[in-house]
Amino acid sequence: MPKYQPRVALLAASLFLTGCGGGAVALPNHSSVAPSHTSAPTPTASSEMSAEAAPLQPHGLGPKTLAQIPSDARQLVLVTGHGKNSPRSTVVLYELGETGWQPGATWQAHNALKGWSDHHMGGDLRSPIGVFGLTDAGGLLRNPGTKLPYDHGYGFASPGTGFEGESLAGSFDYVVAINYNRRPGTTPLDWTRPLGASRGGGIWFHVDHGGPTHGCVSISETHMKELLRTLDPARHPVVVMGDAASLAR
């Protein structure tokens, strides 16, 4: 499994990521009805065949969102927020097959305290809306069997409490970095912010601690391990995330 090279920036004491319920500490070593006088047209054989031939698309995605999915993506994690300002969402795993995108496991999740934003800023307590790559993973605990590069170390400590007073301990036992304002191909702890520090960063999938996050998406530990074991870099996985109305655009 590829190993990340140590970086001087990771050795700075008391460094906190801007997302995910407080952040990891970087430590050394790591329808309509037709009027009654009209009748609906009878489908022709050709129209029926066209409908059957149309590839299946992930549920709820509109043309603008679909256009953002890379052509080489074969795995997709769909995170649909329950409302623009809601901290709750649903995660569905999709795999691209011969007939299009096929749904798999469905899980409940938390996102940021104030919901979602098209223009995420550090500290706004909203999760970024968009389509982002999933290339790197890590955690306080050892690799549970993912094919993604995995950075294991004490840098994934998660101190403090969440917005509802819940302990954050174990939140970063397993994480998958979401490629929002970060450099792909590096440890999730890498501090590089291509859009600038004001646009936030440190947006991850991580273990749910029972409450809203600062910007991340959190799912149960069991589901985090399943996600890690499912993602395959050879299939170019991406996450499509946002509230339902935004994703339908």
Foldseek 3Di string as FASTA:
>chain_A
DDEFDDDPVLCDFPDAALKWFIGFTRHPPGDDDDDPVDDDDDDDPVVVVVVQQAADDPPLFAPVQVVQDDPLAFKEWEWADQDQQAQKTKIWIWGQDPRGTDTDDMFIKGFFNREEDCQAWRQPRYAYAHKFFWAAKEACADQLAFQHHYYHDNRRADADAGPVRFGCGQFRRIKIATPQQDDHPHYLPDPHGPVDPRSGGSAIETADRPDHMSHHMYGHPVVRNVVRNPDDVSNGYMYGYHHSVVRND
